[in-house]
């Protein structure tokens, strides 16, 4: 199995970061077009990007303001059966983010594209949290 890993720091407290990665409103501001779900263990999320990319995931790990992991239930074949998550550590009003996207079956072309896209999206998430910048959905990658 293969994993995508990104580690970075956000100049904000863990509560604000957790809101951006766990609530539908937060996710819609940097990743999804229209997300629904409730931030709690075993809850199901609809991660809608377009009619063609209308995916579902279940929260498989959850610790408020510290950890959230999504296990894919429905997505493109390469994303099955992957999991992605965020581990947060707050120190001096900044939050260290450990992002992972695990359980990839192979290092395919799509694996590389996804790693690149996550890096860009996570930068946009950082801009959203630190500066209030919301990148228009059609310009996210």
N, C-alpha and C. Protein backbone atom coordinates (compact mmCIF):
# COMPACT_ATOMS: atom_id res chain seq x y z
N UNK A 1 0.84 -1.18 0.00
CA UNK A 1 0.00 0.00 0.00
C UNK A 1 0.88 1.25 0.00
N UNK A 2 0.35 2.32 -0.56
CA UNK A 2 1.09 3.57 -0.68
C UNK A 2 0.32 4.70 -0.02
N UNK A 3 1.06 5.74 0.39
CA UNK A 3 0.45 6.88 1.09
C UNK A 3 0.96 8.19 0.53
N UNK A 4 0.09 9.17 0.57
CA UNK A 4 0.43 10.57 0.28
C UNK A 4 0.51 11.26 1.64
N UNK A 5 1.58 12.00 1.87
CA UNK A 5 1.78 12.68 3.15
C UNK A 5 2.12 14.15 2.88
N UNK A 6 1.49 15.06 3.63
CA UNK A 6 1.83 16.49 3.59
C UNK A 6 1.82 17.01 5.03
N UNK A 7 2.90 17.63 5.45
CA UNK A 7 3.00 18.23 6.79
C UNK A 7 3.26 19.73 6.63
N UNK A 8 2.51 20.54 7.37
CA UNK A 8 2.66 21.99 7.29
C UNK A 8 2.08 22.63 8.53
N UNK A 9 2.30 23.94 8.67
CA UNK A 9 1.83 24.69 9.83
C UNK A 9 0.88 25.78 9.37
N UNK A 10 -0.18 25.96 10.14
CA UNK A 10 -1.16 27.03 9.89
C UNK A 10 -1.13 27.98 11.07
N UNK A 11 -1.08 29.26 10.80
CA UNK A 11 -1.04 30.28 11.84
C UNK A 11 -2.46 30.54 12.37
N UNK A 12 -2.95 29.57 13.12
CA UNK A 12 -4.27 29.66 13.72
C UNK A 12 -4.40 28.56 14.77
N UNK A 13 -5.42 28.67 15.58
CA UNK A 13 -5.62 27.64 16.59
C UNK A 13 -6.25 26.38 15.97
N UNK A 14 -6.13 25.28 16.68
CA UNK A 14 -6.61 23.99 16.18
C UNK A 14 -8.13 23.97 15.99
N UNK A 15 -8.85 24.70 16.80
CA UNK A 15 -10.31 24.73 16.68
C UNK A 15 -10.74 25.27 15.31
N UNK A 16 -10.11 26.35 14.88
CA UNK A 16 -10.44 26.94 13.58
C UNK A 16 -10.03 26.02 12.42
N UNK A 17 -8.87 25.38 12.55
CA UNK A 17 -8.42 24.44 11.52
C UNK A 17 -9.37 23.26 11.46
N UNK A 18 -9.75 22.74 12.62
CA UNK A 18 -10.64 21.58 12.66
C UNK A 18 -11.99 21.90 12.02
N UNK A 19 -12.48 23.10 12.25
CA UNK A 19 -13.75 23.50 11.63
C UNK A 19 -13.63 23.46 10.10
N UNK A 20 -12.50 23.89 9.56
CA UNK A 20 -12.30 23.91 8.10
C UNK A 20 -12.18 22.52 7.50
N UNK A 21 -11.74 21.54 8.28
CA UNK A 21 -11.54 20.19 7.74
C UNK A 21 -12.64 19.22 8.12
N UNK A 22 -13.56 19.63 8.99
CA UNK A 22 -14.56 18.67 9.48
C UNK A 22 -16.00 19.06 9.21
N UNK A 23 -16.27 20.33 8.96
CA UNK A 23 -17.66 20.75 8.74
C UNK A 23 -17.92 20.91 7.25
N UNK A 24 -19.15 20.64 6.81
CA UNK A 24 -19.46 20.86 5.40
C UNK A 24 -19.17 22.29 4.94
N UNK A 25 -19.49 23.28 5.76
CA UNK A 25 -19.23 24.68 5.39
C UNK A 25 -17.74 24.92 5.21
N UNK A 26 -16.95 24.41 6.13
CA UNK A 26 -15.50 24.56 6.04
C UNK A 26 -14.94 23.89 4.80
N UNK A 27 -15.34 22.65 4.54
CA UNK A 27 -14.86 21.92 3.37
C UNK A 27 -15.27 22.59 2.06
N UNK A 28 -16.48 23.15 2.03
CA UNK A 28 -16.94 23.83 0.82
C UNK A 28 -16.12 25.09 0.51
N UNK A 29 -15.46 25.64 1.51
CA UNK A 29 -14.68 26.86 1.30
C UNK A 29 -13.30 26.62 0.71
N UNK A 30 -12.86 25.35 0.65
CA UNK A 30 -11.54 25.10 0.06
C UNK A 30 -11.45 23.81 -0.75
N UNK A 31 -12.45 22.92 -0.66
CA UNK A 31 -12.33 21.65 -1.37
C UNK A 31 -13.56 21.28 -2.17
N UNK A 32 -14.67 20.99 -1.53
CA UNK A 32 -15.86 20.48 -2.21
C UNK A 32 -16.72 21.61 -2.76
N UNK A 33 -17.59 21.24 -3.69
CA UNK A 33 -18.59 22.18 -4.20
C UNK A 33 -19.78 22.23 -3.25
N UNK A 34 -20.26 21.03 -2.86
CA UNK A 34 -21.42 20.94 -1.98
C UNK A 34 -21.28 19.70 -1.12
N UNK A 35 -20.88 19.89 0.10
CA UNK A 35 -20.65 18.80 1.04
C UNK A 35 -21.78 18.76 2.06
N UNK A 36 -22.17 17.56 2.44
CA UNK A 36 -23.11 17.40 3.55
C UNK A 36 -22.57 16.33 4.48
N UNK A 37 -22.91 16.46 5.74
CA UNK A 37 -22.50 15.48 6.74
C UNK A 37 -22.40 16.13 8.10
N UNK A 38 -22.21 15.31 9.10
CA UNK A 38 -22.11 15.79 10.47
C UNK A 38 -20.77 15.33 11.04
N UNK A 39 -19.97 16.24 11.59
CA UNK A 39 -18.65 15.86 12.11
C UNK A 39 -18.75 15.04 13.40
N UNK A 40 -18.82 13.72 13.24
CA UNK A 40 -18.87 12.79 14.36
C UNK A 40 -18.46 11.40 13.86
N UNK A 41 -17.97 10.59 14.74
CA UNK A 41 -17.52 9.24 14.39
C UNK A 41 -18.64 8.44 13.73
N UNK A 42 -18.31 7.76 12.66
CA UNK A 42 -19.20 6.88 11.88
C UNK A 42 -20.25 7.62 11.06
N UNK A 43 -20.21 8.93 11.01
CA UNK A 43 -21.14 9.68 10.18
C UNK A 43 -20.71 9.62 8.72
N UNK A 44 -21.69 9.66 7.82
CA UNK A 44 -21.41 9.62 6.39
C UNK A 44 -21.45 11.03 5.81
N UNK A 45 -20.50 11.32 4.94
CA UNK A 45 -20.42 12.60 4.24
C UNK A 45 -20.63 12.38 2.76
N UNK A 46 -21.36 13.31 2.14
CA UNK A 46 -21.45 13.38 0.69
C UNK A 46 -20.45 14.45 0.26
N UNK A 47 -19.45 14.05 -0.50
CA UNK A 47 -18.41 14.96 -0.99
C UNK A 47 -18.71 15.20 -2.47
N UNK A 48 -19.49 16.21 -2.74
CA UNK A 48 -19.91 16.47 -4.11
C UNK A 48 -19.03 17.54 -4.76
N UNK A 49 -18.48 17.18 -5.92
CA UNK A 49 -17.66 18.09 -6.71
C UNK A 49 -18.37 18.46 -8.00
N UNK A 50 -19.01 17.50 -8.62
CA UNK A 50 -19.84 17.64 -9.82
C UNK A 50 -20.75 16.41 -9.85
N UNK A 51 -21.66 16.37 -10.81
CA UNK A 51 -22.50 15.18 -10.94
C UNK A 51 -21.66 13.93 -11.19
N UNK A 52 -20.58 14.09 -11.95
CA UNK A 52 -19.68 12.97 -12.25
C UNK A 52 -18.85 12.55 -11.04
N UNK A 53 -18.50 13.50 -10.19
CA UNK A 53 -17.69 13.24 -9.00
C UNK A 53 -18.52 13.52 -7.75
N UNK A 54 -19.45 12.65 -7.49
CA UNK A 54 -20.34 12.75 -6.34
C UNK A 54 -20.02 11.58 -5.42
N UNK A 55 -19.09 11.81 -4.48
CA UNK A 55 -18.49 10.75 -3.70
C UNK A 55 -19.06 10.71 -2.28
N UNK A 56 -18.79 9.58 -1.61
CA UNK A 56 -19.24 9.40 -0.24
C UNK A 56 -18.11 8.84 0.60
N UNK A 57 -18.06 9.26 1.87
CA UNK A 57 -17.05 8.79 2.81
C UNK A 57 -17.68 8.70 4.20
N UNK A 58 -17.07 7.88 5.04
CA UNK A 58 -17.51 7.72 6.42
C UNK A 58 -16.38 8.17 7.34
N UNK A 59 -16.71 8.87 8.41
CA UNK A 59 -15.70 9.28 9.37
C UNK A 59 -15.29 8.04 10.19
N UNK A 60 -14.04 7.62 10.00
CA UNK A 60 -13.55 6.41 10.65
C UNK A 60 -12.71 6.69 11.89
N UNK A 61 -12.22 7.91 12.05
CA UNK A 61 -11.53 8.34 13.27
C UNK A 61 -11.96 9.77 13.55
N UNK A 62 -12.16 10.08 14.83
CA UNK A 62 -12.63 11.42 15.17
C UNK A 62 -12.25 11.75 16.61
N UNK A 63 -11.54 12.84 16.76
CA UNK A 63 -11.26 13.41 18.08
C UNK A 63 -11.29 14.92 17.90
N UNK A 64 -12.31 15.54 18.45
CA UNK A 64 -12.55 16.97 18.24
C UNK A 64 -11.29 17.80 18.40
N UNK A 65 -11.04 18.65 17.40
CA UNK A 65 -9.91 19.58 17.35
C UNK A 65 -8.54 18.90 17.29
N UNK A 66 -8.51 17.57 17.06
CA UNK A 66 -7.23 16.85 17.02
C UNK A 66 -7.09 15.91 15.82
N UNK A 67 -8.16 15.23 15.45
CA UNK A 67 -8.05 14.17 14.45
C UNK A 67 -9.37 13.92 13.74
N UNK A 68 -9.30 13.80 12.42
CA UNK A 68 -10.45 13.33 11.65
C UNK A 68 -9.92 12.52 10.48
N UNK A 69 -10.58 11.38 10.24
CA UNK A 69 -10.21 10.53 9.12
C UNK A 69 -11.48 10.13 8.38
N UNK A 70 -11.42 10.19 7.05
CA UNK A 70 -12.51 9.81 6.18
C UNK A 70 -12.13 8.54 5.43
N UNK A 71 -12.98 7.53 5.47
CA UNK A 71 -12.79 6.31 4.69
C UNK A 71 -13.76 6.36 3.51
N UNK A 72 -13.22 6.22 2.32
CA UNK A 72 -14.03 6.35 1.12
C UNK A 72 -15.02 5.19 1.00
N UNK A 73 -16.28 5.53 0.69
CA UNK A 73 -17.32 4.54 0.46
C UNK A 73 -17.67 4.45 -1.02
N UNK A 74 -17.62 5.59 -1.71
CA UNK A 74 -17.92 5.64 -3.14
C UNK A 74 -17.07 6.75 -3.75
N UNK A 75 -16.28 6.39 -4.75
CA UNK A 75 -15.41 7.35 -5.44
C UNK A 75 -14.90 6.68 -6.70
N UNK A 76 -14.03 7.36 -7.43
CA UNK A 76 -13.43 6.72 -8.60
C UNK A 76 -12.61 5.52 -8.13
N UNK A 77 -12.41 4.56 -9.03
CA UNK A 77 -11.78 3.29 -8.67
C UNK A 77 -10.45 3.46 -7.94
N UNK A 78 -9.59 4.38 -8.40
CA UNK A 78 -8.28 4.56 -7.77
C UNK A 78 -8.37 4.99 -6.31
N UNK A 79 -9.45 5.67 -5.95
CA UNK A 79 -9.62 6.14 -4.57
C UNK A 79 -10.19 5.06 -3.65
N UNK A 80 -10.56 3.92 -4.20
CA UNK A 80 -11.15 2.85 -3.39
C UNK A 80 -10.08 1.82 -3.08
N UNK A 81 -9.85 1.42 -1.89
CA UNK A 81 -10.51 1.80 -0.63
C UNK A 81 -9.62 2.73 0.20
N UNK A 82 -9.32 3.91 -0.29
CA UNK A 82 -8.41 4.79 0.43
C UNK A 82 -9.06 5.49 1.62
N UNK A 83 -8.19 6.04 2.47
CA UNK A 83 -8.62 6.84 3.62
C UNK A 83 -7.75 8.09 3.63
N UNK A 84 -8.33 9.21 4.04
CA UNK A 84 -7.52 10.41 4.22
C UNK A 84 -7.88 11.06 5.53
N UNK A 85 -6.89 11.73 6.11
CA UNK A 85 -7.16 12.33 7.41
C UNK A 85 -6.20 13.43 7.76
N UNK A 86 -6.52 14.08 8.86
CA UNK A 86 -5.76 15.21 9.37
C UNK A 86 -5.52 14.98 10.85
N UNK A 87 -4.26 15.06 11.27
CA UNK A 87 -3.89 15.04 12.68
C UNK A 87 -3.37 16.42 13.02
N UNK A 88 -3.91 17.03 14.08
CA UNK A 88 -3.57 18.41 14.44
C UNK A 88 -2.89 18.46 15.80
N UNK A 89 -1.87 19.30 15.88
CA UNK A 89 -1.20 19.58 17.14
C UNK A 89 -1.05 21.09 17.25
N UNK A 90 -1.62 21.67 18.30
CA UNK A 90 -1.56 23.12 18.48
C UNK A 90 -0.43 23.49 19.43
N UNK A 91 0.28 24.55 19.05
CA UNK A 91 1.36 25.06 19.89
C UNK A 91 1.52 26.55 19.62
N UNK A 92 1.41 27.37 20.65
CA UNK A 92 1.59 28.82 20.54
C UNK A 92 0.71 29.44 19.46
N UNK A 93 -0.58 29.11 19.48
CA UNK A 93 -1.58 29.63 18.54
C UNK A 93 -1.24 29.36 17.07
N UNK A 94 -0.51 28.29 16.84
CA UNK A 94 -0.34 27.79 15.48
C UNK A 94 -0.61 26.29 15.51
N UNK A 95 -1.03 25.75 14.39
CA UNK A 95 -1.41 24.36 14.34
C UNK A 95 -0.55 23.62 13.33
N UNK A 96 0.07 22.56 13.79
CA UNK A 96 0.84 21.68 12.92
C UNK A 96 -0.14 20.65 12.35
N UNK A 97 -0.17 20.54 11.04
CA UNK A 97 -1.09 19.65 10.35
C UNK A 97 -0.30 18.50 9.74
N UNK A 98 -0.70 17.29 10.08
CA UNK A 98 -0.18 16.09 9.42
C UNK A 98 -1.33 15.54 8.59
N UNK A 99 -1.23 15.69 7.28
CA UNK A 99 -2.25 15.18 6.36
C UNK A 99 -1.76 13.88 5.76
N UNK A 100 -2.65 12.91 5.65
CA UNK A 100 -2.30 11.65 5.01
C UNK A 100 -3.46 11.16 4.14
N UNK A 101 -3.12 10.49 3.07
CA UNK A 101 -4.10 9.83 2.20
C UNK A 101 -3.52 8.45 1.92
N UNK A 102 -4.02 7.45 2.63
CA UNK A 102 -3.42 6.12 2.65
C UNK A 102 -4.23 5.07 1.92
N UNK A 103 -3.61 3.90 1.83
CA UNK A 103 -4.23 2.69 1.29
C UNK A 103 -4.36 2.70 -0.23
N UNK A 104 -3.50 3.47 -0.90
CA UNK A 104 -3.46 3.42 -2.35
C UNK A 104 -2.90 2.07 -2.79
N UNK A 105 -3.53 1.45 -3.76
CA UNK A 105 -3.13 0.13 -4.20
C UNK A 105 -1.84 0.15 -5.02
N UNK A 106 -1.59 1.24 -5.74
CA UNK A 106 -0.38 1.37 -6.54
C UNK A 106 -0.04 2.85 -6.74
N UNK A 107 1.21 3.09 -7.11
CA UNK A 107 1.63 4.46 -7.40
C UNK A 107 1.36 4.73 -8.88
N UNK A 108 0.10 4.85 -9.20
CA UNK A 108 -0.36 5.06 -10.57
C UNK A 108 -0.20 6.53 -10.95
N UNK A 109 -0.50 6.83 -12.20
CA UNK A 109 -0.49 8.22 -12.64
C UNK A 109 -1.48 9.03 -11.81
N UNK A 110 -2.64 8.46 -11.52
CA UNK A 110 -3.65 9.17 -10.74
C UNK A 110 -3.17 9.43 -9.31
N UNK A 111 -2.39 8.52 -8.75
CA UNK A 111 -1.79 8.71 -7.42
C UNK A 111 -0.94 9.99 -7.42
N UNK A 112 -0.09 10.16 -8.44
CA UNK A 112 0.75 11.35 -8.54
C UNK A 112 -0.05 12.62 -8.73
N UNK A 113 -1.07 12.55 -9.57
CA UNK A 113 -1.95 13.70 -9.80
C UNK A 113 -2.66 14.09 -8.50
N UNK A 114 -3.14 13.09 -7.78
CA UNK A 114 -3.85 13.35 -6.53
C UNK A 114 -2.93 13.99 -5.49
N UNK A 115 -1.69 13.53 -5.40
CA UNK A 115 -0.74 14.12 -4.46
C UNK A 115 -0.52 15.60 -4.79
N UNK A 116 -0.35 15.90 -6.07
CA UNK A 116 -0.17 17.30 -6.51
C UNK A 116 -1.41 18.13 -6.19
N UNK A 117 -2.58 17.57 -6.48
CA UNK A 117 -3.83 18.30 -6.21
C UNK A 117 -4.01 18.56 -4.72
N UNK A 118 -3.71 17.54 -3.88
CA UNK A 118 -3.82 17.75 -2.44
C UNK A 118 -2.89 18.88 -1.99
N UNK A 119 -1.67 18.92 -2.50
CA UNK A 119 -0.74 19.99 -2.11
C UNK A 119 -1.33 21.36 -2.43
N UNK A 120 -1.90 21.51 -3.62
CA UNK A 120 -2.51 22.78 -4.00
C UNK A 120 -3.73 23.10 -3.15
N UNK A 121 -4.59 22.11 -2.92
CA UNK A 121 -5.79 22.33 -2.13
C UNK A 121 -5.45 22.66 -0.68
N UNK A 122 -4.44 22.00 -0.13
CA UNK A 122 -4.06 22.28 1.25
C UNK A 122 -3.47 23.68 1.38
N UNK A 123 -2.77 24.14 0.37
CA UNK A 123 -2.29 25.54 0.36
C UNK A 123 -3.49 26.48 0.35
N UNK A 124 -4.52 26.16 -0.44
CA UNK A 124 -5.71 26.99 -0.49
C UNK A 124 -6.46 26.95 0.84
N UNK A 125 -6.45 25.79 1.51
CA UNK A 125 -7.05 25.69 2.83
C UNK A 125 -6.30 26.59 3.82
N UNK A 126 -5.00 26.59 3.75
CA UNK A 126 -4.16 27.44 4.61
C UNK A 126 -4.49 28.91 4.37
N UNK A 127 -4.61 29.32 3.10
CA UNK A 127 -4.98 30.70 2.76
C UNK A 127 -6.37 31.05 3.29
N UNK A 128 -7.29 30.10 3.21
CA UNK A 128 -8.64 30.32 3.71
C UNK A 128 -8.62 30.56 5.22
N UNK A 129 -7.90 29.72 5.95
CA UNK A 129 -7.88 29.83 7.41
C UNK A 129 -7.10 31.06 7.87
N UNK A 130 -5.94 31.30 7.28
CA UNK A 130 -5.09 32.40 7.74
C UNK A 130 -5.53 33.76 7.23
N UNK A 131 -6.04 33.81 5.99
CA UNK A 131 -6.31 35.11 5.35
C UNK A 131 -7.77 35.31 4.94
N UNK A 132 -8.60 34.29 5.10
CA UNK A 132 -10.00 34.40 4.71
C UNK A 132 -10.21 34.32 3.20
N UNK A 133 -9.22 33.85 2.47
CA UNK A 133 -9.33 33.77 1.01
C UNK A 133 -10.04 32.48 0.61
N UNK A 134 -11.12 32.62 -0.13
CA UNK A 134 -11.84 31.46 -0.65
C UNK A 134 -11.64 31.45 -2.16
N UNK A 135 -10.94 30.42 -2.64
CA UNK A 135 -10.72 30.28 -4.08
C UNK A 135 -12.02 29.76 -4.70
N UNK A 136 -12.47 30.41 -5.76
CA UNK A 136 -13.67 29.98 -6.47
C UNK A 136 -13.53 28.51 -6.85
N UNK A 137 -14.60 27.73 -6.71
CA UNK A 137 -14.54 26.29 -6.94
C UNK A 137 -13.96 25.93 -8.31
N UNK A 138 -14.35 26.66 -9.34
CA UNK A 138 -13.89 26.34 -10.70
C UNK A 138 -12.38 26.58 -10.86
N UNK A 139 -11.75 27.27 -9.91
CA UNK A 139 -10.31 27.55 -10.01
C UNK A 139 -9.48 26.69 -9.05
N UNK A 140 -10.13 25.80 -8.33
CA UNK A 140 -9.41 24.89 -7.44
C UNK A 140 -8.88 23.72 -8.26
N UNK A 141 -7.78 23.14 -7.81
CA UNK A 141 -7.28 21.94 -8.51
C UNK A 141 -6.66 20.97 -7.53
